[in-house]
Amino acid sequence: MIEKQVVFFDLDGTLLTSDLKVASSSIEAIHRIREQGVEPVIATGRTIMEIGYVMEETGIRSCVAMNGQYVLYEGEIIYENPLDVNEVKALHEGSFLKGHELAFYNAENITVTAGDSDLITKNYERVGGVYPPIDDRLYLNETIHQMLIFCEEGEEAFYQERFPYFQFVRNSPFGCDIYPAGTSKATGIERLLSLKNISRESTYAFGDGLNDLEMFQLVQHPIAMGNALDIVKQSAKYVTHSHDENGILKGLELCGLLSRKAV
């Protein structure tokens, strides 16, 4: 078993600032920990095609994407957990009857089931994206690793009861991530650590949202952002500054991975 320090970074609300950029202080801090032999890894609900600019700016080449369903290590795919086509079809049919739209995700594509949706528009504006192409049958032609359902808060309870093989985790006021029950960023991280024979003893994670909770329970040193939900802060070992206030740099100093630079 390799004793290696590994840091997992959530993106939205964590490594990304409010204007969806990586702070210069975060980029510098990541370069500094890499020089010390610490391995930085992105852990996100997003898919690979959405985060190329982050990986390029930071030099990070490893990622636990789509809430643990797709894992890259040093640019190589080491694990993927595609959704069952029949289960996706059943949910698609159920959501159609309820009047809710879906998005289908894999590493190369994102498509949605309809155009001109206010919730879809707001969701992708929130993350600095554009309205995805319309293709309500992508899952019949390509592997799907994650879905989104666009619905008002609380409406996901209908689906959680009727489709127990999925979990519906709200990521915004506009919708929920959908991925297999019993999986999470933590299961993707466990796969990475196991396949690369890395010990869990020196693992760290930064996060702010509900889909970071399992990751916080797994790693040894969970660090919540200052802007994190209260439940995330309560699950953390450390609470740093917000994502807009050099929270990554301050958090790496707080947990002892970086020393403070002399002024």
Protein backbone atom coordinates (compact mmCIF):
# COMPACT_ATOMS: atom_id res chain seq x y z
CA MET A 1 0.00 0.00 0.00
CA ILE A 2 1.40 3.39 -1.08
CA GLU A 3 1.40 6.11 1.57
CA LYS A 4 0.66 9.17 -0.52
CA GLN A 5 -1.13 12.44 0.23
CA VAL A 6 -4.09 12.94 -2.13
CA VAL A 7 -6.42 15.95 -2.19
CA PHE A 8 -9.85 15.79 -3.85
CA PHE A 9 -11.37 19.09 -5.01
CA ASP A 10 -15.04 19.62 -5.72
CA LEU A 11 -15.59 22.26 -8.42
CA ASP A 12 -18.76 24.35 -8.19
CA GLY A 13 -18.72 26.40 -4.99
CA THR A 14 -15.27 25.04 -4.14
CA LEU A 15 -12.40 25.17 -6.62
CA LEU A 16 -14.46 27.46 -8.86
CA THR A 17 -15.28 30.99 -7.71
CA SER A 18 -18.71 32.59 -8.15
CA ASP A 19 -17.74 33.67 -11.66
CA LEU A 20 -16.77 30.04 -12.47
CA LYS A 21 -13.04 30.69 -12.60
CA VAL A 22 -10.15 29.09 -10.72
CA ALA A 23 -8.62 31.72 -8.43
CA SER A 24 -4.97 32.50 -9.10
CA SER A 25 -4.26 31.70 -5.45
CA SER A 26 -5.75 28.22 -5.98
CA ILE A 27 -3.69 27.58 -9.11
CA GLU A 28 -0.50 28.58 -7.31
CA ALA A 29 -1.42 26.48 -4.25
CA ILE A 30 -2.06 23.40 -6.41
CA HIS A 31 1.29 23.81 -8.14
CA ARG A 32 2.98 24.10 -4.74
CA ILE A 33 1.44 20.91 -3.33
CA ARG A 34 2.35 19.01 -6.48
CA GLU A 35 5.95 20.11 -6.06
CA GLN A 36 5.78 18.53 -2.59
CA GLY A 37 4.52 15.23 -4.01
CA VAL A 38 0.85 15.71 -3.10
CA GLU A 39 -1.59 14.38 -5.71
CA PRO A 40 -4.49 16.76 -6.63
CA VAL A 41 -7.67 15.17 -8.03
CA ILE A 42 -10.93 16.79 -9.14
CA ALA A 43 -14.10 15.22 -7.67
CA THR A 44 -17.21 16.62 -9.32
CA GLY A 45 -20.75 16.03 -10.46
CA ARG A 46 -19.77 17.44 -13.83
CA THR A 47 -18.59 15.45 -16.82
CA ILE A 48 -15.16 15.60 -18.46
CA MET A 49 -16.24 17.68 -21.46
CA GLU A 50 -17.29 20.53 -19.13
CA ILE A 51 -14.06 20.87 -17.18
CA GLY A 52 -11.23 20.82 -19.69
CA TYR A 53 -10.32 24.43 -18.94
CA VAL A 54 -10.02 23.66 -15.21
CA MET A 55 -7.73 20.71 -15.80
CA GLU A 56 -5.61 22.76 -18.20
CA GLU A 57 -5.28 25.76 -15.85
CA THR A 58 -4.45 23.68 -12.79
CA GLY A 59 -2.43 20.93 -14.46
CA ILE A 60 -4.67 18.32 -12.77
CA ARG A 61 -4.96 15.18 -14.90
CA SER A 62 -6.97 12.97 -12.53
CA CYS A 63 -10.71 13.26 -11.98
CA VAL A 64 -13.60 11.49 -10.25
CA ALA A 65 -16.38 12.71 -12.54
CA MET A 66 -20.17 12.44 -12.67
CA ASN A 67 -20.42 11.76 -8.93
CA GLY A 68 -18.09 8.78 -8.98
CA GLN A 69 -19.33 7.06 -12.13
CA TYR A 70 -16.27 7.84 -14.28
CA VAL A 71 -12.68 8.02 -13.03
CA LEU A 72 -9.53 9.25 -14.77
CA TYR A 73 -6.07 8.88 -13.30
CA GLU A 74 -3.26 10.79 -14.99
CA GLY A 75 -5.42 11.04 -18.11
CA GLU A 76 -6.24 7.31 -18.25
CA ILE A 77 -9.76 5.91 -17.74
CA ILE A 78 -9.47 3.49 -14.84
CA TYR A 79 -13.13 2.99 -13.90
CA GLU A 80 -16.60 3.64 -15.25
CA ASN A 81 -20.05 2.66 -14.06
CA PRO A 82 -22.61 3.12 -16.84
CA LEU A 83 -26.32 3.29 -16.12
CA ASP A 84 -28.60 0.38 -17.01
CA VAL A 85 -30.41 1.18 -20.28
CA ASN A 86 -33.72 -0.32 -19.15
CA GLU A 87 -33.66 1.66 -15.92
CA VAL A 88 -32.90 4.85 -17.82
CA LYS A 89 -35.77 4.11 -20.23
CA ALA A 90 -38.20 3.55 -17.36
CA LEU A 91 -37.28 6.87 -15.75
CA HIS A 92 -37.49 8.65 -19.10
CA GLU A 93 -41.01 7.35 -19.63
CA GLY A 94 -42.01 8.26 -16.06
CA SER A 95 -40.61 11.78 -16.27
CA PHE A 96 -42.36 12.34 -19.62
CA LEU A 97 -45.71 11.50 -18.04
CA LYS A 98 -44.99 13.96 -15.19
CA GLY A 99 -43.90 16.70 -17.60
CA HIS A 100 -40.28 16.89 -16.41
CA GLU A 101 -37.29 17.07 -18.74
CA LEU A 102 -34.04 15.11 -18.41
CA ALA A 103 -30.40 15.51 -19.39
CA PHE A 104 -28.18 12.55 -20.31
CA TYR A 105 -24.45 12.64 -19.59
CA ASN A 106 -21.35 10.74 -20.65
CA ALA A 107 -17.73 11.83 -21.03
CA GLU A 108 -18.20 13.25 -24.53
CA ASN A 109 -21.83 14.40 -24.68
CA ILE A 110 -24.65 16.10 -22.83
CA THR A 111 -28.12 16.12 -24.37
CA VAL A 112 -31.55 17.14 -23.08
CA THR A 113 -35.02 15.88 -23.85
CA ALA A 114 -36.60 19.17 -24.99
CA GLY A 115 -35.91 22.74 -26.02
CA ASP A 116 -37.17 26.02 -24.62
CA SER A 117 -37.27 24.86 -20.98
CA ASP A 118 -36.92 27.62 -18.41
CA LEU A 119 -35.41 25.25 -15.82
CA ILE A 120 -32.89 23.84 -18.29
CA THR A 121 -31.91 27.34 -19.38
CA LYS A 122 -31.39 28.50 -15.79
CA ASN A 123 -29.46 25.35 -14.85
CA TYR A 124 -26.84 25.74 -17.58
CA GLU A 125 -26.60 29.51 -17.17
CA ARG A 126 -25.76 28.78 -13.51
CA VAL A 127 -22.67 26.79 -14.51
CA GLY A 128 -21.63 29.01 -17.38
CA GLY A 129 -22.75 26.56 -20.05
CA VAL A 130 -25.00 26.73 -23.07
CA TYR A 131 -28.28 24.97 -23.72
CA PRO A 132 -27.31 21.39 -24.67
CA PRO A 133 -28.37 19.71 -27.92
CA ILE A 134 -31.75 18.01 -27.94
CA ASP A 135 -31.64 14.21 -28.16
CA ASP A 136 -34.09 12.26 -26.02
CA ARG A 137 -32.73 8.90 -27.20
CA LEU A 138 -29.00 9.30 -26.52
CA TYR A 139 -29.15 6.44 -24.02
CA LEU A 140 -30.22 4.03 -26.77
CA ASN A 141 -27.10 4.79 -28.82
CA GLU A 142 -24.39 5.63 -26.28
CA THR A 143 -23.33 4.70 -22.76
CA ILE A 144 -24.81 7.03 -20.13
CA HIS A 145 -23.12 7.61 -16.75
CA GLN A 146 -25.41 10.21 -15.16
CA MET A 147 -28.68 12.03 -15.68
CA LEU A 148 -30.25 15.25 -14.46
CA ILE A 149 -33.93 15.86 -13.90
CA PHE A 150 -35.24 19.41 -14.06
CA CYS A 151 -37.89 19.95 -11.39
CA GLU A 152 -38.86 22.22 -8.54
CA GLU A 153 -37.55 21.54 -5.05
CA GLY A 154 -39.38 18.63 -3.42
CA GLU A 155 -40.70 17.14 -6.65
CA GLU A 156 -37.83 14.64 -6.74
CA ALA A 157 -39.50 12.73 -3.86
CA PHE A 158 -42.00 11.31 -6.36
CA TYR A 159 -39.17 9.77 -8.37
CA GLN A 160 -37.10 8.59 -5.41
CA GLU A 161 -40.04 6.51 -4.23
CA ARG A 162 -40.78 4.99 -7.64
CA PHE A 163 -37.23 4.51 -8.92
CA PRO A 164 -35.29 3.22 -5.88
CA TYR A 165 -32.38 1.97 -7.99
CA PHE A 166 -31.46 5.63 -8.57
CA GLN A 167 -30.74 8.43 -6.13
CA PHE A 168 -31.82 12.00 -6.78
CA VAL A 169 -29.44 14.53 -5.25
CA ARG A 170 -30.37 18.19 -5.63
CA ASN A 171 -27.58 20.28 -7.07
CA SER A 172 -29.48 23.55 -7.56
CA PRO A 173 -32.98 25.05 -7.33
CA PHE A 174 -33.50 23.82 -10.89
CA GLY A 175 -32.82 20.11 -10.70
CA CYS A 176 -31.18 16.99 -9.33
CA ASP A 177 -28.29 14.76 -10.31
CA ILE A 178 -29.33 11.14 -10.90
CA TYR A 179 -26.94 8.22 -10.45
CA PRO A 180 -27.16 4.65 -9.09
CA ALA A 181 -28.29 4.17 -5.52
CA GLY A 182 -25.40 3.35 -3.21
CA THR A 183 -22.83 5.16 -5.35
CA SER A 184 -21.29 8.61 -4.96
CA LYS A 185 -18.05 10.53 -5.30
CA ALA A 186 -16.85 8.34 -2.41
CA THR A 187 -17.29 5.09 -4.34
CA GLY A 188 -15.35 6.57 -7.27
CA ILE A 189 -12.61 7.68 -4.89
CA GLU A 190 -12.50 4.22 -3.32
CA ARG A 191 -12.01 2.71 -6.79
CA LEU A 192 -9.17 5.11 -7.54
CA LEU A 193 -7.41 4.43 -4.25
CA SER A 194 -7.86 0.67 -4.60
CA LEU A 195 -6.77 0.41 -8.22
CA LYS A 196 -3.69 2.57 -7.56
CA ASN A 197 -2.98 0.87 -4.21
CA ILE A 198 -3.04 4.20 -2.34
CA SER A 199 -3.72 4.30 1.40
CA ARG A 200 -6.72 6.26 2.69
CA GLU A 201 -4.72 7.50 5.69
CA SER A 202 -3.52 10.72 4.06
CA THR A 203 -6.57 11.70 1.99
CA TYR A 204 -8.09 15.18 1.99
CA ALA A 205 -11.19 16.64 0.34
CA PHE A 206 -12.64 20.11 -0.21
CA GLY A 207 -16.37 20.56 -0.78
CA ASP A 208 -19.49 22.59 -0.19
CA GLY A 209 -22.60 20.67 -1.29
CA LEU A 210 -24.80 17.66 -0.62
CA ASN A 211 -22.97 15.44 -3.09
CA ASP A 212 -19.79 15.95 -1.05
CA LEU A 213 -21.11 14.34 2.14
CA GLU A 214 -20.13 10.74 1.32
CA MET A 215 -16.70 11.95 0.21
CA PHE A 216 -16.30 13.72 3.56
CA GLN A 217 -17.17 10.51 5.39
CA LEU A 218 -14.54 8.58 3.44
CA VAL A 219 -11.44 10.78 3.53
CA GLN A 220 -9.39 11.39 6.65
CA HIS A 221 -9.35 15.17 6.40
CA PRO A 222 -12.57 16.77 5.06
CA ILE A 223 -12.40 20.56 4.56
CA ALA A 224 -15.62 22.58 4.08
CA MET A 225 -15.64 25.88 2.26
CA GLY A 226 -16.87 28.96 4.10
CA ASN A 227 -19.83 29.08 1.71
CA ALA A 228 -20.71 25.39 2.27
CA LEU A 229 -24.10 24.18 3.46
CA ASP A 230 -24.33 23.87 7.24
CA ILE A 231 -24.64 20.07 7.06
CA VAL A 232 -21.38 19.96 5.08
CA LYS A 233 -19.60 22.18 7.60
CA GLN A 234 -20.82 19.93 10.42
CA SER A 235 -19.29 16.92 8.62
CA ALA A 236 -15.91 18.61 8.15
CA LYS A 237 -12.72 18.48 10.17
CA TYR A 238 -11.82 22.02 9.05
CA VAL A 239 -13.80 24.99 7.74
CA THR A 240 -11.89 27.35 5.48
CA HIS A 241 -12.75 30.67 3.82
CA SER A 242 -15.27 30.87 0.98
CA HIS A 243 -14.50 29.99 -2.64
CA ASP A 244 -14.34 33.74 -3.36
CA GLU A 245 -11.91 34.45 -0.51
CA ASN A 246 -8.91 32.24 -1.30
CA GLY A 247 -10.58 29.32 0.47
CA ILE A 248 -8.49 26.64 -1.25
CA LEU A 249 -5.18 28.25 -0.31
CA LYS A 250 -6.34 28.96 3.25
CA GLY A 251 -7.69 25.42 3.60
CA LEU A 252 -4.45 23.83 2.46
CA GLU A 253 -2.64 25.94 5.05
CA LEU A 254 -5.25 25.11 7.70
CA CYS A 255 -4.86 21.34 7.29
CA GLY A 256 -1.07 21.58 7.20
CA LEU A 257 -0.40 20.67 3.57
CA LEU A 258 1.03 24.15 2.89
CA SER A 259 2.93 26.52 5.11
CA ARG A 260 2.00 30.20 5.06
CA LYS A 261 4.26 32.26 2.85
CA ALA A 262 6.14 35.04 4.56
CA VAL A 263 4.84 38.48 3.58
